[in-house]
Amino acid sequence: YSAYLSILGAASGASIERAEPVSKLGIPVTLMPAIVLEPSFALTSEEVGEKFKGGKISSRSTLVVEGAGVEIEDLELDGALVIKAGPGVMLSVKGLKVQNEGWAFTDDPDAPEEEIRIRGYRVTKGETMEIVVTEPGSYTVDSTGAVQKA
């Protein structure tokens, strides 16, 4: 997640909050937002800067962005947000404010699943705002998350 954070922070001018270090399994860890920018959204930091401008993301947030036609401006995120735009979709997200329960990353070193034991934590998906548009066309998303065809 830290690679996406570095790219997003430098390219977009967004304010990305980092929490104070905590101990996880005896290792000091700085908690930060979990950000995934799919290759379909942007391949380079230059593309990220063109498509994601400004905003604020809290340290406990989770953001997943997928789709070549997505543009985000002045996002205020405190929780979890998933944005998916299908082929041929132009999706303009401006001034969106998201505050919800979000996703929890909880310690679970004794989990029965090997991948959870290796990673050391389990992801519990709580309340999430999902914006999914698959029908080709131009759309806008307002500050409340309402999607409208342009």
C-alpha atoms as a PDB file:
ATOM      1  CA  TYR A   1       0.000   0.000   0.000  1.00  0.00           C
ATOM      2  CA  SER A   2       2.877   2.385   0.708  1.00  0.00           C
ATOM      3  CA  ALA A   3       3.914   2.530  -2.965  1.00  0.00           C
ATOM      4  CA  TYR A   4       0.425   3.699  -3.973  1.00  0.00           C
ATOM      5  CA  LEU A   5       0.501   6.204  -1.100  1.00  0.00           C
ATOM      6  CA  SER A   6       3.781   7.699  -2.244  1.00  0.00           C
ATOM      7  CA  ILE A   7       2.612   8.001  -5.848  1.00  0.00           C
ATOM      8  CA  LEU A   8      -0.797   9.403  -4.920  1.00  0.00           C
ATOM      9  CA  GLY A   9       0.558  11.924  -2.430  1.00  0.00           C
ATOM     10  CA  ALA A  10       3.298  13.225  -4.729  1.00  0.00           C
ATOM     11  CA  ALA A  11       1.314  13.257  -7.972  1.00  0.00           C
ATOM     12  CA  SER A  12      -2.081  14.507  -6.815  1.00  0.00           C
ATOM     13  CA  GLY A  13      -1.412  16.926  -4.015  1.00  0.00           C
ATOM     14  CA  ALA A  14      -3.849  15.010  -1.798  1.00  0.00           C
ATOM     15  CA  SER A  15      -3.328  15.199   1.967  1.00  0.00           C
ATOM     16  CA  ILE A  16      -2.761  11.642   3.161  1.00  0.00           C
ATOM     17  CA  GLU A  17      -2.821  11.114   6.913  1.00  0.00           C
ATOM     18  CA  ARG A  18      -0.513   8.633   8.646  1.00  0.00           C
ATOM     19  CA  ALA A  19      -1.188   7.428  12.179  1.00  0.00           C
ATOM     20  CA  GLU A  20       1.327   7.146  15.008  1.00  0.00           C
ATOM     21  CA  PRO A  21       3.386   3.913  14.975  1.00  0.00           C
ATOM     22  CA  VAL A  22       1.916   0.923  16.808  1.00  0.00           C
ATOM     23  CA  SER A  23       3.316  -2.518  17.592  1.00  0.00           C
ATOM     24  CA  LYS A  24       2.105  -5.449  15.482  1.00  0.00           C
ATOM     25  CA  LEU A  25       3.514  -8.818  16.561  1.00  0.00           C
ATOM     26  CA  GLY A  26       6.349  -6.910  18.242  1.00  0.00           C
ATOM     27  CA  ILE A  27       7.225  -4.925  15.119  1.00  0.00           C
ATOM     28  CA  PRO A  28       6.672  -1.147  14.994  1.00  0.00           C
ATOM     29  CA  VAL A  29       4.298  -0.302  12.149  1.00  0.00           C
ATOM     30  CA  THR A  30       3.022   3.067  10.919  1.00  0.00           C
ATOM     31  CA  LEU A  31      -0.608   2.679   9.973  1.00  0.00           C
ATOM     32  CA  MET A  32      -1.632   4.347   6.747  1.00  0.00           C
ATOM     33  CA  PRO A  33      -4.542   4.202   4.343  1.00  0.00           C
ATOM     34  CA  ALA A  34      -4.893   1.052   2.238  1.00  0.00           C
ATOM     35  CA  ILE A  35      -4.914   2.398  -1.312  1.00  0.00           C
ATOM     36  CA  VAL A  36      -5.152   0.279  -4.462  1.00  0.00           C
ATOM     37  CA  LEU A  37      -5.003   2.015  -7.832  1.00  0.00           C
ATOM     38  CA  GLU A  38      -5.661  -0.681 -10.409  1.00  0.00           C
ATOM     39  CA  PRO A  39      -3.595  -0.576 -13.639  1.00  0.00           C
ATOM     40  CA  SER A  40      -6.815   0.145 -15.538  1.00  0.00           C
ATOM     41  CA  PHE A  41      -7.007   3.465 -13.622  1.00  0.00           C
ATOM     42  CA  ALA A  42      -3.450   4.666 -14.167  1.00  0.00           C
ATOM     43  CA  LEU A  43      -0.093   3.133 -15.035  1.00  0.00           C
ATOM     44  CA  THR A  44       2.246   6.028 -14.262  1.00  0.00           C
ATOM     45  CA  SER A  45       2.527   8.692 -11.580  1.00  0.00           C
ATOM     46  CA  GLU A  46       1.866  11.275 -14.299  1.00  0.00           C
ATOM     47  CA  GLU A  47      -1.472   9.594 -15.100  1.00  0.00           C
ATOM     48  CA  VAL A  48      -2.321   9.498 -11.391  1.00  0.00           C
ATOM     49  CA  GLY A  49      -1.662  13.247 -11.166  1.00  0.00           C
ATOM     50  CA  GLU A  50      -3.924  13.915 -14.150  1.00  0.00           C
ATOM     51  CA  LYS A  51      -6.784  11.788 -12.816  1.00  0.00           C
ATOM     52  CA  PHE A  52      -6.616  12.388  -9.047  1.00  0.00           C
ATOM     53  CA  LYS A  53      -6.464  15.980  -7.786  1.00  0.00           C
ATOM     54  CA  GLY A  54      -6.407  17.191  -4.193  1.00  0.00           C
ATOM     55  CA  GLY A  55      -8.507  15.973  -1.318  1.00  0.00           C
ATOM     56  CA  LYS A  56      -7.856  14.351   2.035  1.00  0.00           C
ATOM     57  CA  ILE A  57      -7.593  10.692   3.027  1.00  0.00           C
ATOM     58  CA  SER A  58      -7.536   9.635   6.706  1.00  0.00           C
ATOM     59  CA  SER A  59      -5.099   7.042   8.031  1.00  0.00           C
ATOM     60  CA  ARG A  60      -7.860   4.467   8.630  1.00  0.00           C
ATOM     61  CA  SER A  61      -9.247   4.679   5.093  1.00  0.00           C
ATOM     62  CA  THR A  62      -9.373   2.132   2.284  1.00  0.00           C
ATOM     63  CA  LEU A  63      -9.595   3.239  -1.359  1.00  0.00           C
ATOM     64  CA  VAL A  64      -9.852   1.025  -4.437  1.00  0.00           C
ATOM     65  CA  VAL A  65     -10.068   2.662  -7.887  1.00  0.00           C
ATOM     66  CA  GLU A  66     -10.565   0.708 -11.125  1.00  0.00           C
ATOM     67  CA  GLY A  67     -11.323   2.005 -14.609  1.00  0.00           C
ATOM     68  CA  ALA A  68      -9.600   4.085 -17.275  1.00  0.00           C
ATOM     69  CA  GLY A  69     -12.301   6.775 -17.355  1.00  0.00           C
ATOM     70  CA  VAL A  70     -12.299   7.658 -13.639  1.00  0.00           C
ATOM     71  CA  GLU A  71     -11.318  11.183 -12.558  1.00  0.00           C
ATOM     72  CA  ILE A  72     -11.331  12.195  -8.878  1.00  0.00           C
ATOM     73  CA  GLU A  73     -11.137  15.726  -7.500  1.00  0.00           C
ATOM     74  CA  ASP A  74     -11.224  16.935  -3.872  1.00  0.00           C
ATOM     75  CA  LEU A  75     -12.180  13.583  -2.319  1.00  0.00           C
ATOM     76  CA  GLU A  76     -12.591  13.592   1.478  1.00  0.00           C
ATOM     77  CA  LEU A  77     -12.315   9.980   2.625  1.00  0.00           C
ATOM     78  CA  ASP A  78     -12.628   8.647   6.166  1.00  0.00           C
ATOM     79  CA  GLY A  79     -13.651   5.010   5.772  1.00  0.00           C
ATOM     80  CA  ALA A  80     -13.876   2.711   2.750  1.00  0.00           C
ATOM     81  CA  LEU A  81     -14.588   3.628  -0.878  1.00  0.00           C
ATOM     82  CA  VAL A  82     -14.539   1.387  -3.948  1.00  0.00           C
ATOM     83  CA  ILE A  83     -14.907   2.976  -7.389  1.00  0.00           C
ATOM     84  CA  LYS A  84     -15.240   0.762 -10.469  1.00  0.00           C
ATOM     85  CA  ALA A  85     -15.921   2.009 -13.983  1.00  0.00           C
ATOM     86  CA  GLY A  86     -16.338  -0.393 -16.885  1.00  0.00           C
ATOM     87  CA  PRO A  87     -15.034   0.034 -20.437  1.00  0.00           C
ATOM     88  CA  GLY A  88     -16.407   3.130 -22.157  1.00  0.00           C
ATOM     89  CA  VAL A  89     -17.398   4.779 -18.864  1.00  0.00           C
ATOM     90  CA  MET A  90     -16.264   8.333 -18.088  1.00  0.00           C
ATOM     91  CA  LEU A  91     -16.825   8.910 -14.364  1.00  0.00           C
ATOM     92  CA  SER A  92     -16.147  12.327 -12.818  1.00  0.00           C
ATOM     93  CA  VAL A  93     -16.049  12.299  -9.003  1.00  0.00           C
ATOM     94  CA  LYS A  94     -15.928  15.845  -7.578  1.00  0.00           C
ATOM     95  CA  GLY A  95     -16.091  16.879  -3.927  1.00  0.00           C
ATOM     96  CA  LEU A  96     -17.216  13.451  -2.691  1.00  0.00           C
ATOM     97  CA  LYS A  97     -17.301  13.178   1.106  1.00  0.00           C
ATOM     98  CA  VAL A  98     -17.232   9.673   2.539  1.00  0.00           C
ATOM     99  CA  GLN A  99     -17.389   8.836   6.227  1.00  0.00           C
ATOM    100  CA  ASN A 100     -18.247   5.281   7.192  1.00  0.00           C
ATOM    101  CA  GLU A 101     -17.105   2.343   9.338  1.00  0.00           C
ATOM    102  CA  GLY A 102     -14.598   1.204   6.717  1.00  0.00           C
ATOM    103  CA  TRP A 103     -12.471  -1.924   6.766  1.00  0.00           C
ATOM    104  CA  ALA A 104     -10.614  -3.322   9.782  1.00  0.00           C
ATOM    105  CA  PHE A 105      -7.152  -4.865   9.654  1.00  0.00           C
ATOM    106  CA  THR A 106      -7.022  -7.044  12.775  1.00  0.00           C
ATOM    107  CA  ASP A 107      -4.119  -9.106  14.106  1.00  0.00           C
ATOM    108  CA  ASP A 108      -4.631 -12.835  13.595  1.00  0.00           C
ATOM    109  CA  PRO A 109      -1.268 -14.666  13.793  1.00  0.00           C
ATOM    110  CA  ASP A 110      -2.987 -17.948  14.790  1.00  0.00           C
ATOM    111  CA  ALA A 111      -5.426 -18.060  11.865  1.00  0.00           C
ATOM    112  CA  PRO A 112      -5.957 -21.474  10.261  1.00  0.00           C
ATOM    113  CA  GLU A 113      -5.382 -20.055   6.751  1.00  0.00           C
ATOM    114  CA  GLU A 114      -1.705 -19.935   5.809  1.00  0.00           C
ATOM    115  CA  GLU A 115      -1.938 -16.627   3.907  1.00  0.00           C
ATOM    116  CA  ILE A 116      -3.460 -14.928   6.972  1.00  0.00           C
ATOM    117  CA  ARG A 117      -0.721 -16.326   9.252  1.00  0.00           C
ATOM    118  CA  ILE A 118       1.985 -15.089   6.844  1.00  0.00           C
ATOM    119  CA  ARG A 119       0.419 -11.633   6.498  1.00  0.00           C
ATOM    120  CA  GLY A 120      -0.342 -11.500  10.237  1.00  0.00           C
ATOM    121  CA  TYR A 121      -3.723  -9.818   9.929  1.00  0.00           C
ATOM    122  CA  ARG A 122      -7.223 -10.356   8.630  1.00  0.00           C
ATOM    123  CA  VAL A 123      -9.192  -7.826   6.595  1.00  0.00           C
ATOM    124  CA  THR A 124     -12.773  -7.431   7.761  1.00  0.00           C
ATOM    125  CA  LYS A 125     -14.819  -5.437   5.275  1.00  0.00           C
ATOM    126  CA  GLY A 126     -17.262  -3.250   7.160  1.00  0.00           C
ATOM    127  CA  GLU A 127     -19.376  -0.440   5.780  1.00  0.00           C
ATOM    128  CA  THR A 128     -18.169   0.557   2.304  1.00  0.00           C
ATOM    129  CA  MET A 129     -19.372   3.115  -0.220  1.00  0.00           C
ATOM    130  CA  GLU A 130     -19.317   1.421  -3.613  1.00  0.00           C
ATOM    131  CA  ILE A 131     -19.674   3.303  -6.865  1.00  0.00           C
ATOM    132  CA  VAL A 132     -19.911   0.853  -9.748  1.00  0.00           C
ATOM    133  CA  VAL A 133     -20.847   1.975 -13.260  1.00  0.00           C
ATOM    134  CA  THR A 134     -20.768  -0.526 -16.140  1.00  0.00           C
ATOM    135  CA  GLU A 135     -22.989   1.024 -18.826  1.00  0.00           C
ATOM    136  CA  PRO A 136     -20.860   3.089 -21.262  1.00  0.00           C
ATOM    137  CA  GLY A 137     -21.410   6.844 -21.104  1.00  0.00           C
ATOM    138  CA  SER A 138     -20.458   9.939 -19.113  1.00  0.00           C
ATOM    139  CA  TYR A 139     -21.403  10.170 -15.441  1.00  0.00           C
ATOM    140  CA  THR A 140     -20.858  12.496 -12.487  1.00  0.00           C
ATOM    141  CA  VAL A 141     -20.744  11.696  -8.790  1.00  0.00           C
ATOM    142  CA  ASP A 142     -21.733  14.454  -6.367  1.00  0.00           C
ATOM    143  CA  SER A 143     -20.622  15.089  -2.775  1.00  0.00           C
ATOM    144  CA  THR A 144     -23.135  12.548  -1.414  1.00  0.00           C
ATOM    145  CA  GLY A 145     -22.139   9.722  -3.784  1.00  0.00           C
ATOM    146  CA  ALA A 146     -25.167  10.041  -6.074  1.00  0.00           C
ATOM    147  CA  VAL A 147     -24.340   8.974  -9.645  1.00  0.00           C
ATOM    148  CA  GLN A 148     -25.980  10.884 -12.489  1.00  0.00           C
ATOM    149  CA  LYS A 149     -25.676  10.399 -16.216  1.00  0.00           C
ATOM    150  CA  ALA A 150     -24.182  13.534 -17.777  1.00  0.00           C
END
